[in-house]
């Protein structure tokens, strides 16, 4: 769950990362929003919860998104791609201060780690 101060603004920003709104809940009109966003189809994918509940002193969230190819995301955000050996990564900060790192495999050997392939 990530704290946001403006749900519509956050929805637009996360939409640029390929997330779509699943639902928004408010206890009553004008109350803080609790929003579910999803990236990917049924089954594999990722879901984030964005919450207006809380205050400005809420801790900053940190998310790592692993994608097949980071280049389209970097282009969408005009972000510099960093080669960190086994991964290419970009660092983003949403409008509410949450840190998002997006990475994809570089093809370099990663000693000691194994990842499931995309088929299974």
N, C-alpha and C. Protein backbone atom coordinates (compact mmCIF):
# COMPACT_ATOMS: atom_id res chain seq x y z
N UNK A 1 0.85 -1.16 0.00
CA UNK A 1 0.00 0.00 0.00
C UNK A 1 0.90 1.23 0.00
N UNK A 2 0.53 2.18 -0.85
CA UNK A 2 1.29 3.42 -0.95
C UNK A 2 0.40 4.59 -0.55
N UNK A 3 0.94 5.49 0.25
CA UNK A 3 0.18 6.67 0.65
C UNK A 3 0.22 7.69 -0.48
N UNK A 4 -0.94 8.25 -0.80
CA UNK A 4 -1.04 9.32 -1.80
C UNK A 4 -1.94 10.41 -1.22
N UNK A 5 -1.72 11.64 -1.62
CA UNK A 5 -2.56 12.73 -1.12
C UNK A 5 -3.67 13.09 -2.11
N UNK A 6 -3.57 12.63 -3.36
CA UNK A 6 -4.54 12.97 -4.39
C UNK A 6 -4.73 11.74 -5.28
N UNK A 7 -5.80 10.97 -5.04
CA UNK A 7 -6.01 9.71 -5.77
C UNK A 7 -6.12 9.92 -7.28
N UNK A 8 -6.89 10.89 -7.79
CA UNK A 8 -6.96 11.06 -9.25
C UNK A 8 -5.59 11.35 -9.87
N UNK A 9 -4.78 12.16 -9.21
CA UNK A 9 -3.43 12.45 -9.69
C UNK A 9 -2.59 11.16 -9.70
N UNK A 10 -2.69 10.38 -8.63
CA UNK A 10 -1.95 9.12 -8.54
C UNK A 10 -2.40 8.14 -9.62
N UNK A 11 -3.70 8.06 -9.88
CA UNK A 11 -4.22 7.17 -10.93
C UNK A 11 -3.64 7.54 -12.28
N UNK A 12 -3.57 8.81 -12.58
CA UNK A 12 -3.00 9.24 -13.86
C UNK A 12 -1.52 8.86 -13.95
N UNK A 13 -0.77 9.07 -12.86
CA UNK A 13 0.66 8.76 -12.86
C UNK A 13 0.88 7.26 -13.02
N UNK A 14 0.19 6.44 -12.25
CA UNK A 14 0.37 4.99 -12.34
C UNK A 14 -0.18 4.44 -13.65
N UNK A 15 -1.12 5.14 -14.26
CA UNK A 15 -1.59 4.76 -15.60
C UNK A 15 -0.46 4.82 -16.61
N UNK A 16 0.45 5.76 -16.45
CA UNK A 16 1.62 5.84 -17.34
C UNK A 16 2.53 4.64 -17.19
N UNK A 17 2.46 3.95 -16.04
CA UNK A 17 3.25 2.73 -15.82
C UNK A 17 2.49 1.48 -16.27
N UNK A 18 1.32 1.67 -16.85
CA UNK A 18 0.54 0.53 -17.34
C UNK A 18 -0.47 -0.01 -16.35
N UNK A 19 -0.69 0.68 -15.22
CA UNK A 19 -1.67 0.25 -14.24
C UNK A 19 -3.04 0.77 -14.61
N UNK A 20 -4.06 -0.01 -14.31
CA UNK A 20 -5.44 0.38 -14.54
C UNK A 20 -6.19 0.32 -13.21
N UNK A 21 -7.11 1.24 -13.03
CA UNK A 21 -7.92 1.25 -11.81
C UNK A 21 -8.85 0.04 -11.81
N UNK A 22 -8.83 -0.71 -10.71
CA UNK A 22 -9.79 -1.80 -10.53
C UNK A 22 -11.03 -1.28 -9.81
N UNK A 23 -10.80 -0.55 -8.73
CA UNK A 23 -11.90 0.00 -7.96
C UNK A 23 -11.40 1.08 -7.02
N UNK A 24 -12.33 1.93 -6.61
CA UNK A 24 -12.06 2.97 -5.61
C UNK A 24 -13.13 2.87 -4.53
N UNK A 25 -12.70 2.90 -3.28
CA UNK A 25 -13.64 2.84 -2.16
C UNK A 25 -13.52 4.11 -1.32
N UNK A 26 -14.67 4.67 -0.96
CA UNK A 26 -14.76 5.77 0.00
C UNK A 26 -15.92 5.43 0.94
N UNK A 27 -15.71 5.63 2.23
CA UNK A 27 -16.79 5.34 3.19
C UNK A 27 -18.00 6.22 2.93
N UNK A 28 -17.74 7.46 2.58
CA UNK A 28 -18.80 8.41 2.23
C UNK A 28 -18.23 9.41 1.25
N UNK A 29 -19.09 10.10 0.54
CA UNK A 29 -18.67 11.15 -0.38
C UNK A 29 -17.76 12.14 0.35
N UNK A 30 -16.63 12.47 -0.26
CA UNK A 30 -15.70 13.42 0.33
C UNK A 30 -14.70 12.81 1.30
N UNK A 31 -14.86 11.52 1.63
CA UNK A 31 -13.91 10.84 2.51
C UNK A 31 -12.68 10.42 1.71
N UNK A 32 -11.56 10.10 2.38
CA UNK A 32 -10.35 9.66 1.68
C UNK A 32 -10.62 8.41 0.83
N UNK A 33 -9.92 8.32 -0.29
CA UNK A 33 -10.07 7.19 -1.21
C UNK A 33 -9.08 6.08 -0.87
N UNK A 34 -9.50 4.85 -1.13
CA UNK A 34 -8.64 3.68 -1.09
C UNK A 34 -8.81 3.02 -2.45
N UNK A 35 -7.74 2.96 -3.24
CA UNK A 35 -7.82 2.59 -4.65
C UNK A 35 -6.98 1.36 -4.93
N UNK A 36 -7.52 0.44 -5.73
CA UNK A 36 -6.77 -0.71 -6.21
C UNK A 36 -6.44 -0.49 -7.68
N UNK A 37 -5.14 -0.61 -8.02
CA UNK A 37 -4.70 -0.54 -9.41
C UNK A 37 -3.99 -1.84 -9.75
N UNK A 38 -4.11 -2.26 -11.00
CA UNK A 38 -3.54 -3.54 -11.43
C UNK A 38 -2.81 -3.35 -12.75
N UNK A 39 -1.71 -4.06 -12.89
CA UNK A 39 -0.95 -4.10 -14.14
C UNK A 39 -0.84 -5.56 -14.54
N UNK A 40 -1.24 -5.87 -15.76
CA UNK A 40 -1.20 -7.26 -16.24
C UNK A 40 -2.60 -7.85 -16.25
N UNK A 41 -2.74 -8.94 -16.97
CA UNK A 41 -4.04 -9.59 -17.11
C UNK A 41 -4.36 -10.49 -15.93
N UNK A 42 -5.43 -11.23 -16.06
CA UNK A 42 -5.78 -12.19 -15.00
C UNK A 42 -4.63 -13.18 -14.77
N UNK A 43 -4.44 -13.55 -13.54
CA UNK A 43 -3.33 -14.45 -13.21
C UNK A 43 -2.09 -13.62 -12.93
N UNK A 44 -1.01 -13.79 -13.72
CA UNK A 44 0.20 -13.02 -13.48
C UNK A 44 -0.08 -11.52 -13.58
N UNK A 45 0.58 -10.79 -12.78
CA UNK A 45 0.41 -9.34 -12.78
C UNK A 45 0.74 -8.81 -11.41
N UNK A 46 0.47 -7.53 -11.22
CA UNK A 46 0.76 -6.91 -9.94
C UNK A 46 -0.37 -5.96 -9.57
N UNK A 47 -0.66 -5.90 -8.32
CA UNK A 47 -1.70 -5.00 -7.79
C UNK A 47 -1.07 -4.12 -6.72
N UNK A 48 -1.40 -2.83 -6.77
CA UNK A 48 -0.97 -1.88 -5.75
C UNK A 48 -2.21 -1.25 -5.14
N UNK A 49 -2.13 -0.91 -3.87
CA UNK A 49 -3.21 -0.17 -3.22
C UNK A 49 -2.69 1.23 -2.94
N UNK A 50 -3.47 2.21 -3.33
CA UNK A 50 -3.15 3.62 -3.13
C UNK A 50 -4.13 4.17 -2.13
N UNK A 51 -3.66 4.77 -1.06
CA UNK A 51 -4.54 5.21 0.01
C UNK A 51 -4.34 6.68 0.35
N UNK A 52 -5.45 7.41 0.39
CA UNK A 52 -5.42 8.79 0.87
C UNK A 52 -5.55 8.85 2.39
N UNK A 53 -5.80 7.72 3.04
CA UNK A 53 -5.93 7.67 4.50
C UNK A 53 -4.57 7.94 5.13
N UNK A 54 -4.54 8.65 6.21
CA UNK A 54 -3.29 8.95 6.88
C UNK A 54 -2.95 10.41 6.71
N UNK A 55 -1.74 10.76 7.04
CA UNK A 55 -1.33 12.15 6.99
C UNK A 55 -0.06 12.35 6.21
N UNK A 56 0.39 13.57 6.17
CA UNK A 56 1.60 13.91 5.43
C UNK A 56 2.85 13.25 6.02
N UNK A 57 2.77 12.80 7.27
CA UNK A 57 3.94 12.19 7.89
C UNK A 57 4.02 10.68 7.63
N UNK A 58 3.16 10.17 6.75
CA UNK A 58 3.19 8.74 6.43
C UNK A 58 4.54 8.39 5.81
N UNK A 59 5.06 7.19 6.05
CA UNK A 59 6.34 6.81 5.46
C UNK A 59 6.23 6.69 3.94
N UNK A 60 7.33 6.94 3.28
CA UNK A 60 7.40 6.81 1.83
C UNK A 60 7.45 5.32 1.49
N UNK A 61 6.67 4.93 0.47
CA UNK A 61 6.68 3.55 0.02
C UNK A 61 7.79 3.31 -0.99
N UNK A 62 8.22 2.06 -1.09
CA UNK A 62 9.25 1.66 -2.03
C UNK A 62 8.75 0.41 -2.75
N UNK A 63 8.75 0.45 -4.09
CA UNK A 63 8.26 -0.68 -4.89
C UNK A 63 9.29 -0.99 -5.97
N UNK A 64 9.52 -2.29 -6.22
CA UNK A 64 10.36 -2.72 -7.33
C UNK A 64 9.48 -3.47 -8.30
N UNK A 65 9.43 -3.01 -9.55
CA UNK A 65 8.65 -3.68 -10.60
C UNK A 65 9.62 -4.33 -11.58
N UNK A 66 9.49 -5.63 -11.76
CA UNK A 66 10.34 -6.36 -12.72
C UNK A 66 9.53 -6.55 -13.98
N UNK A 67 10.03 -6.02 -15.09
CA UNK A 67 9.34 -6.10 -16.38
C UNK A 67 10.25 -6.79 -17.38
N UNK A 68 9.68 -7.18 -18.50
CA UNK A 68 10.46 -7.84 -19.54
C UNK A 68 11.44 -6.89 -20.20
N UNK A 69 11.01 -5.65 -20.44
CA UNK A 69 11.85 -4.67 -21.12
C UNK A 69 11.60 -3.29 -20.51
N UNK A 70 12.59 -2.73 -19.88
CA UNK A 70 12.45 -1.44 -19.19
C UNK A 70 12.45 -0.26 -20.16
N UNK A 71 12.90 -0.46 -21.40
CA UNK A 71 13.04 0.67 -22.33
C UNK A 71 11.74 1.43 -22.60
N UNK A 72 10.59 0.77 -22.83
CA UNK A 72 9.36 1.55 -23.05
C UNK A 72 8.95 2.38 -21.84
N UNK A 73 9.19 1.87 -20.65
CA UNK A 73 8.86 2.62 -19.44
C UNK A 73 9.79 3.82 -19.32
N UNK A 74 11.07 3.61 -19.57
CA UNK A 74 12.03 4.72 -19.52
C UNK A 74 11.65 5.81 -20.50
N UNK A 75 11.23 5.40 -21.69
CA UNK A 75 10.83 6.39 -22.70
C UNK A 75 9.61 7.17 -22.25
N UNK A 76 8.62 6.47 -21.68
CA UNK A 76 7.39 7.13 -21.23
C UNK A 76 7.65 8.17 -20.15
N UNK A 77 8.68 7.95 -19.34
CA UNK A 77 8.99 8.86 -18.24
C UNK A 77 10.24 9.69 -18.50
N UNK A 78 10.81 9.57 -19.70
CA UNK A 78 12.04 10.28 -20.05
C UNK A 78 13.10 10.06 -18.96
N UNK A 79 13.26 8.77 -18.58
CA UNK A 79 14.16 8.39 -17.50
C UNK A 79 15.43 7.74 -18.05
N UNK A 80 16.52 7.98 -17.38
CA UNK A 80 17.80 7.37 -17.76
C UNK A 80 17.85 5.92 -17.30
N UNK A 81 18.28 5.05 -18.19
CA UNK A 81 18.43 3.63 -17.86
C UNK A 81 19.83 3.40 -17.29
N UNK A 82 19.89 2.71 -16.15
CA UNK A 82 21.17 2.39 -15.50
C UNK A 82 21.46 0.91 -15.68
N UNK A 83 22.67 0.59 -16.09
CA UNK A 83 23.13 -0.79 -16.23
C UNK A 83 23.73 -1.19 -14.89
N UNK A 84 23.04 -2.09 -14.18
CA UNK A 84 23.52 -2.53 -12.87
C UNK A 84 23.93 -4.00 -12.93
N UNK A 85 24.60 -4.37 -14.02
CA UNK A 85 25.07 -5.74 -14.18
C UNK A 85 23.99 -6.64 -14.73
N UNK A 86 23.34 -7.41 -13.86
CA UNK A 86 22.34 -8.35 -14.35
C UNK A 86 21.00 -7.71 -14.72
N UNK A 87 20.86 -6.39 -14.43
CA UNK A 87 19.59 -5.72 -14.70
C UNK A 87 19.84 -4.34 -15.30
N UNK A 88 18.84 -3.90 -16.06
CA UNK A 88 18.73 -2.50 -16.45
C UNK A 88 17.63 -1.92 -15.58
N UNK A 89 17.87 -0.75 -14.99
CA UNK A 89 16.89 -0.17 -14.07
C UNK A 89 16.71 1.31 -14.32
N UNK A 90 15.51 1.79 -13.96
CA UNK A 90 15.24 3.21 -13.89
C UNK A 90 14.66 3.49 -12.51
N UNK A 91 14.91 4.67 -12.02
CA UNK A 91 14.35 5.09 -10.74
C UNK A 91 13.33 6.19 -10.96
N UNK A 92 12.16 6.04 -10.37
CA UNK A 92 11.09 7.02 -10.48
C UNK A 92 10.61 7.40 -9.08
N UNK A 93 10.03 8.58 -8.98
CA UNK A 93 9.37 9.01 -7.75
C UNK A 93 8.00 9.51 -8.15
N UNK A 94 6.95 8.93 -7.55
CA UNK A 94 5.60 9.36 -7.91
C UNK A 94 5.33 10.75 -7.32
N UNK A 95 4.22 11.39 -7.68
CA UNK A 95 3.95 12.74 -7.19
C UNK A 95 3.79 12.85 -5.68
N UNK A 96 3.77 11.72 -4.97
CA UNK A 96 3.55 11.71 -3.54
C UNK A 96 4.79 11.27 -2.76
N UNK A 97 5.91 11.12 -3.48
CA UNK A 97 7.18 10.79 -2.84
C UNK A 97 7.50 9.31 -2.77
N UNK A 98 6.60 8.43 -3.23
CA UNK A 98 6.89 7.00 -3.23
C UNK A 98 7.93 6.69 -4.29
N UNK A 99 8.90 5.83 -3.95
CA UNK A 99 9.98 5.49 -4.87
C UNK A 99 9.65 4.20 -5.61
N UNK A 100 9.75 4.26 -6.93
CA UNK A 100 9.46 3.12 -7.79
C UNK A 100 10.70 2.83 -8.62
N UNK A 101 11.24 1.62 -8.50
CA UNK A 101 12.33 1.18 -9.37
C UNK A 101 11.75 0.17 -10.33
N UNK A 102 12.05 0.33 -11.61
CA UNK A 102 11.58 -0.59 -12.64
C UNK A 102 12.82 -1.20 -13.28
N UNK A 103 12.85 -2.54 -13.34
CA UNK A 103 14.02 -3.21 -13.88
C UNK A 103 13.68 -4.35 -14.80
N UNK A 104 14.61 -4.66 -15.69
CA UNK A 104 14.47 -5.81 -16.58
C UNK A 104 15.82 -6.49 -16.69
N UNK A 105 15.82 -7.79 -17.01
CA UNK A 105 17.09 -8.50 -17.14
C UNK A 105 17.96 -7.89 -18.23
N UNK A 106 19.26 -7.86 -18.01
CA UNK A 106 20.18 -7.31 -19.01
C UNK A 106 20.79 -8.41 -19.87
N UNK A 107 20.69 -9.64 -19.41
CA UNK A 107 21.33 -10.74 -20.10
C UNK A 107 22.66 -11.12 -19.49
N UNK A 108 23.17 -10.28 -18.59
CA UNK A 108 24.43 -10.59 -17.92
C UNK A 108 24.20 -11.70 -16.90
N UNK A 109 25.23 -12.47 -16.65
CA UNK A 109 25.16 -13.56 -15.68
C UNK A 109 24.88 -13.02 -14.28
N UNK A 110 23.98 -13.67 -13.57
CA UNK A 110 23.68 -13.29 -12.19
C UNK A 110 23.99 -14.49 -11.32
N UNK A 111 25.13 -14.52 -10.73
CA UNK A 111 25.59 -15.64 -9.93
C UNK A 111 24.78 -15.78 -8.65
N UNK A 112 24.29 -16.98 -8.38
CA UNK A 112 23.62 -17.26 -7.13
C UNK A 112 22.12 -17.03 -7.13
N UNK A 113 21.56 -16.52 -8.22
CA UNK A 113 20.12 -16.26 -8.26
C UNK A 113 19.50 -17.05 -9.41
N UNK A 114 18.28 -17.47 -9.20
CA UNK A 114 17.50 -18.06 -10.29
C UNK A 114 16.14 -17.40 -10.29
N UNK A 115 15.59 -17.20 -11.46
CA UNK A 115 14.28 -16.60 -11.62
C UNK A 115 13.43 -17.54 -12.46
N UNK A 116 12.12 -17.61 -12.18
CA UNK A 116 11.28 -18.43 -13.05
C UNK A 116 11.22 -17.83 -14.44
N UNK A 117 11.12 -18.70 -15.45
CA UNK A 117 11.00 -18.15 -16.80
C UNK A 117 9.56 -17.67 -17.01
N UNK A 118 9.33 -16.93 -18.09
CA UNK A 118 8.03 -16.34 -18.34
C UNK A 118 6.96 -17.39 -18.64
N UNK A 119 7.36 -18.59 -19.02
CA UNK A 119 6.39 -19.64 -19.32
C UNK A 119 5.86 -20.32 -18.07
N UNK A 120 6.54 -20.22 -16.95
CA UNK A 120 6.08 -20.97 -15.83
C UNK A 120 6.42 -20.38 -14.56
